[in-house]
Amino acid sequence: MTASENNRTCKKGHHYSKTSDCPTCPICEAERKPKSGFLSVLSAPARRALESKNINTVEDLSKYSQEEILSWHGIGPSSIPKLLEELKKNGLSF
């Protein structure tokens, strides 16, 4: 452990270390990651960003513009190709 790491315990009792101030438990995040569906291809921050806007389906996603989605905290440029591919699979677009 480096001097900048902090040992933590989440509400579920998972023990982990983090170097940032982010309160999210990586073990809890891994447990709640969907096994399938378009949210399963995204990073945890991107998935949380969409979930915070109640976007749970590609149909929900298609109601927003690419620029709008990119403006949300947690969504970065690397998420867009993944989202575009999922929309395309379902005959949808931004």
C-alpha atoms as a PDB file:
ATOM      1  CA  MET A   1       0.000   0.000   0.000  1.00  0.00           C
ATOM      2  CA  THR A   2       1.291   3.432  -0.892  1.00  0.00           C
ATOM      3  CA  ALA A   3       1.005   6.438   1.373  1.00  0.00           C
ATOM      4  CA  SER A   4      -1.789   7.877  -0.774  1.00  0.00           C
ATOM      5  CA  GLU A   5      -4.030   4.770  -0.564  1.00  0.00           C
ATOM      6  CA  ASN A   6      -6.866   4.610   1.918  1.00  0.00           C
ATOM      7  CA  ASN A   7      -8.203   1.353   3.319  1.00  0.00           C
ATOM      8  CA  ARG A   8     -11.975   1.364   3.399  1.00  0.00           C
ATOM      9  CA  THR A   9     -14.954  -0.807   4.233  1.00  0.00           C
ATOM     10  CA  CYS A  10     -18.274  -0.380   2.431  1.00  0.00           C
ATOM     11  CA  LYS A  11     -21.776  -0.739   3.915  1.00  0.00           C
ATOM     12  CA  LYS A  12     -21.819  -4.398   2.840  1.00  0.00           C
ATOM     13  CA  GLY A  13     -18.552  -5.105   4.667  1.00  0.00           C
ATOM     14  CA  HIS A  14     -16.233  -5.322   1.637  1.00  0.00           C
ATOM     15  CA  HIS A  15     -12.674  -4.237   2.388  1.00  0.00           C
ATOM     16  CA  TYR A  16     -10.809  -2.341  -0.342  1.00  0.00           C
ATOM     17  CA  SER A  17      -8.194   0.363  -0.930  1.00  0.00           C
ATOM     18  CA  LYS A  18      -8.628   3.514  -2.998  1.00  0.00           C
ATOM     19  CA  THR A  19      -6.281   6.319  -3.961  1.00  0.00           C
ATOM     20  CA  SER A  20      -9.091   8.729  -4.853  1.00  0.00           C
ATOM     21  CA  ASP A  21     -11.927  10.293  -2.885  1.00  0.00           C
ATOM     22  CA  CYS A  22     -14.478   8.242  -4.842  1.00  0.00           C
ATOM     23  CA  PRO A  23     -16.747   6.511  -2.291  1.00  0.00           C
ATOM     24  CA  THR A  24     -17.800   3.691  -4.651  1.00  0.00           C
ATOM     25  CA  CYS A  25     -16.858   0.185  -3.559  1.00  0.00           C
ATOM     26  CA  PRO A  26     -15.270  -1.650  -6.512  1.00  0.00           C
ATOM     27  CA  ILE A  27     -16.502  -5.011  -5.215  1.00  0.00           C
ATOM     28  CA  CYS A  28     -20.112  -3.796  -5.026  1.00  0.00           C
ATOM     29  CA  GLU A  29     -19.778  -2.306  -8.521  1.00  0.00           C
ATOM     30  CA  ALA A  30     -18.509  -5.612  -9.923  1.00  0.00           C
ATOM     31  CA  GLU A  31     -21.421  -7.441  -8.275  1.00  0.00           C
ATOM     32  CA  ARG A  32     -24.050  -5.120  -9.747  1.00  0.00           C
ATOM     33  CA  LYS A  33     -22.626  -4.988 -13.281  1.00  0.00           C
ATOM     34  CA  PRO A  34     -25.210  -6.444 -15.682  1.00  0.00           C
ATOM     35  CA  LYS A  35     -24.256  -9.721 -17.358  1.00  0.00           C
ATOM     36  CA  SER A  36     -25.981  -8.719 -20.609  1.00  0.00           C
ATOM     37  CA  GLY A  37     -27.618  -5.766 -22.286  1.00  0.00           C
ATOM     38  CA  PHE A  38     -26.179  -2.486 -23.418  1.00  0.00           C
ATOM     39  CA  LEU A  39     -25.216  -1.361 -19.902  1.00  0.00           C
ATOM     40  CA  SER A  40     -22.943  -4.417 -19.579  1.00  0.00           C
ATOM     41  CA  VAL A  41     -20.503  -3.046 -22.190  1.00  0.00           C
ATOM     42  CA  LEU A  42     -19.870   0.210 -20.318  1.00  0.00           C
ATOM     43  CA  SER A  43     -17.482   1.207 -17.561  1.00  0.00           C
ATOM     44  CA  ALA A  44     -18.956   1.633 -14.099  1.00  0.00           C
ATOM     45  CA  PRO A  45     -18.889   5.475 -14.207  1.00  0.00           C
ATOM     46  CA  ALA A  46     -20.619   5.537 -17.600  1.00  0.00           C
ATOM     47  CA  ARG A  47     -23.200   2.986 -16.454  1.00  0.00           C
ATOM     48  CA  ARG A  48     -23.934   4.992 -13.296  1.00  0.00           C
ATOM     49  CA  ALA A  49     -24.286   8.184 -15.363  1.00  0.00           C
ATOM     50  CA  LEU A  50     -26.952   6.585 -17.546  1.00  0.00           C
ATOM     51  CA  GLU A  51     -28.699   4.931 -14.613  1.00  0.00           C
ATOM     52  CA  SER A  52     -28.842   8.285 -12.807  1.00  0.00           C
ATOM     53  CA  LYS A  53     -30.877   9.596 -15.767  1.00  0.00           C
ATOM     54  CA  ASN A  54     -33.121   6.483 -15.697  1.00  0.00           C
ATOM     55  CA  ILE A  55     -31.688   5.230 -18.983  1.00  0.00           C
ATOM     56  CA  ASN A  56     -32.040   1.476 -18.781  1.00  0.00           C
ATOM     57  CA  THR A  57     -32.787   0.530 -22.390  1.00  0.00           C
ATOM     58  CA  VAL A  58     -31.425   1.494 -25.803  1.00  0.00           C
ATOM     59  CA  GLU A  59     -34.825   3.015 -26.508  1.00  0.00           C
ATOM     60  CA  ASP A  60     -34.332   5.344 -23.529  1.00  0.00           C
ATOM     61  CA  LEU A  61     -30.821   6.130 -24.780  1.00  0.00           C
ATOM     62  CA  SER A  62     -32.035   7.060 -28.268  1.00  0.00           C
ATOM     63  CA  LYS A  63     -34.080   9.948 -26.828  1.00  0.00           C
ATOM     64  CA  TYR A  64     -30.889  11.916 -26.087  1.00  0.00           C
ATOM     65  CA  SER A  65     -28.303  13.528 -28.349  1.00  0.00           C
ATOM     66  CA  GLN A  66     -24.699  12.399 -28.384  1.00  0.00           C
ATOM     67  CA  GLU A  67     -23.611  15.870 -27.250  1.00  0.00           C
ATOM     68  CA  GLU A  68     -26.009  15.789 -24.310  1.00  0.00           C
ATOM     69  CA  ILE A  69     -24.789  12.373 -23.198  1.00  0.00           C
ATOM     70  CA  LEU A  70     -21.147  13.431 -23.477  1.00  0.00           C
ATOM     71  CA  SER A  71     -21.845  16.362 -21.160  1.00  0.00           C
ATOM     72  CA  TRP A  72     -22.769  14.048 -18.277  1.00  0.00           C
ATOM     73  CA  HIS A  73     -20.242  13.254 -15.565  1.00  0.00           C
ATOM     74  CA  GLY A  74     -18.968   9.702 -16.071  1.00  0.00           C
ATOM     75  CA  ILE A  75     -19.465   9.586 -19.833  1.00  0.00           C
ATOM     76  CA  GLY A  76     -16.302   9.973 -21.859  1.00  0.00           C
ATOM     77  CA  PRO A  77     -15.460   9.785 -25.551  1.00  0.00           C
ATOM     78  CA  SER A  78     -14.623   6.069 -25.287  1.00  0.00           C
ATOM     79  CA  SER A  79     -18.222   5.318 -24.295  1.00  0.00           C
ATOM     80  CA  ILE A  80     -19.726   6.735 -27.485  1.00  0.00           C
ATOM     81  CA  PRO A  81     -18.592   3.999 -29.925  1.00  0.00           C
ATOM     82  CA  LYS A  82     -19.980   1.354 -27.558  1.00  0.00           C
ATOM     83  CA  LEU A  83     -23.293   3.202 -27.267  1.00  0.00           C
ATOM     84  CA  LEU A  84     -23.481   3.748 -31.031  1.00  0.00           C
ATOM     85  CA  GLU A  85     -22.918   0.028 -31.638  1.00  0.00           C
ATOM     86  CA  GLU A  86     -25.680  -0.922 -29.202  1.00  0.00           C
ATOM     87  CA  LEU A  87     -28.070   1.564 -30.818  1.00  0.00           C
ATOM     88  CA  LYS A  88     -27.171   0.272 -34.287  1.00  0.00           C
ATOM     89  CA  LYS A  89     -27.856  -3.351 -33.243  1.00  0.00           C
ATOM     90  CA  ASN A  90     -31.398  -2.241 -32.396  1.00  0.00           C
ATOM     91  CA  GLY A  91     -31.966  -0.055 -35.455  1.00  0.00           C
ATOM     92  CA  LEU A  92     -31.749   3.142 -33.416  1.00  0.00           C
ATOM     93  CA  SER A  93     -29.541   6.228 -33.263  1.00  0.00           C
ATOM     94  CA  PHE A  94     -29.004   9.302 -31.116  1.00  0.00           C
END
